[in-house]
């Protein structure tokens, strides 16, 4: 299962969502707080508070930064 940590209105998150949908990848969204100081859920899984972050349990990958995530999706799901 792939989990996407995202923030409402985040353009980088939306780019990742669009690509996941284009590739037909099933994922679960975890919505995080707008304030960095309140993003404890994403910090627990990734060590930082920036979004987007994906966690792919099937391959054991946790990754931040939309460009890196898009490259990973292309390699793994395209």
Protein backbone atom coordinates (compact mmCIF):
# COMPACT_ATOMS: atom_id res chain seq x y z
CA UNK A 1 0.00 0.00 0.00
CA UNK A 2 1.23 3.46 -0.87
CA UNK A 3 0.49 6.35 1.49
CA UNK A 4 0.75 9.99 0.46
CA UNK A 5 1.16 12.66 3.13
CA UNK A 6 -0.22 15.85 1.66
CA UNK A 7 -1.49 19.32 2.42
CA UNK A 8 -4.62 20.85 0.97
CA UNK A 9 -3.76 23.43 -1.66
CA UNK A 10 -0.15 22.26 -2.02
CA UNK A 11 0.74 22.39 -5.74
CA UNK A 12 3.59 19.89 -5.34
CA UNK A 13 1.22 17.44 -3.66
CA UNK A 14 -1.28 17.84 -6.49
CA UNK A 15 1.37 17.05 -9.10
CA UNK A 16 2.08 13.78 -7.28
CA UNK A 17 -1.66 13.02 -6.98
CA UNK A 18 -2.15 13.63 -10.71
CA UNK A 19 0.67 11.22 -11.58
CA UNK A 20 -0.57 8.55 -9.18
CA UNK A 21 -3.98 8.74 -10.79
CA UNK A 22 -2.55 8.68 -14.33
CA UNK A 23 -0.60 5.54 -13.44
CA UNK A 24 -3.60 3.94 -11.75
CA UNK A 25 -1.75 3.48 -8.47
CA UNK A 26 -3.92 2.86 -5.42
CA UNK A 27 -2.95 5.11 -2.54
CA UNK A 28 -4.22 6.46 0.72
CA UNK A 29 -4.03 10.17 1.54
CA UNK A 30 -3.03 11.40 4.97
CA UNK A 31 -3.88 15.08 5.29
CA UNK A 32 -1.43 17.08 7.37
CA UNK A 33 -1.78 20.38 9.19
CA UNK A 34 -0.93 23.66 7.48
CA UNK A 35 1.49 24.75 10.20
CA UNK A 36 4.89 23.05 10.04
CA UNK A 37 4.98 22.81 13.81
CA UNK A 38 1.77 20.70 13.76
CA UNK A 39 2.92 18.14 11.16
CA UNK A 40 3.87 15.45 13.64
CA UNK A 41 2.41 12.58 11.58
CA UNK A 42 4.65 13.25 8.60
CA UNK A 43 7.62 13.88 10.88
CA UNK A 44 7.19 10.46 12.51
CA UNK A 45 7.42 8.65 9.17
CA UNK A 46 9.97 10.79 7.33
CA UNK A 47 12.01 12.66 9.94
CA UNK A 48 10.94 16.04 8.57
CA UNK A 49 7.77 18.09 8.19
CA UNK A 50 7.77 18.92 4.49
CA UNK A 51 5.14 17.51 2.09
CA UNK A 52 4.57 15.65 -0.13
CA UNK A 53 5.93 12.43 1.36
CA UNK A 54 5.15 8.94 0.14
CA UNK A 55 5.50 5.71 2.04
CA UNK A 56 5.45 2.59 -0.13
CA UNK A 57 5.19 -0.36 2.24
CA UNK A 58 5.45 -2.88 -0.60
CA UNK A 59 9.05 -1.91 -1.37
CA UNK A 60 10.04 -0.28 1.93
CA UNK A 61 10.46 3.26 0.59
CA UNK A 62 9.79 6.54 2.38
CA UNK A 63 10.51 9.57 0.24
CA UNK A 64 10.02 13.35 0.22
CA UNK A 65 10.30 15.99 -2.53
CA UNK A 66 7.91 15.85 -5.46
CA UNK A 67 10.56 15.48 -8.18
CA UNK A 68 12.12 12.47 -6.46
CA UNK A 69 8.67 10.99 -5.86
CA UNK A 70 7.74 11.39 -9.53
CA UNK A 71 10.99 9.69 -10.61
CA UNK A 72 10.28 6.82 -8.19
CA UNK A 73 6.73 6.43 -9.51
CA UNK A 74 7.99 6.31 -13.09
CA UNK A 75 10.60 3.64 -12.26
CA UNK A 76 8.25 1.57 -10.15
CA UNK A 77 4.79 1.90 -11.66
CA UNK A 78 4.98 3.15 -15.26
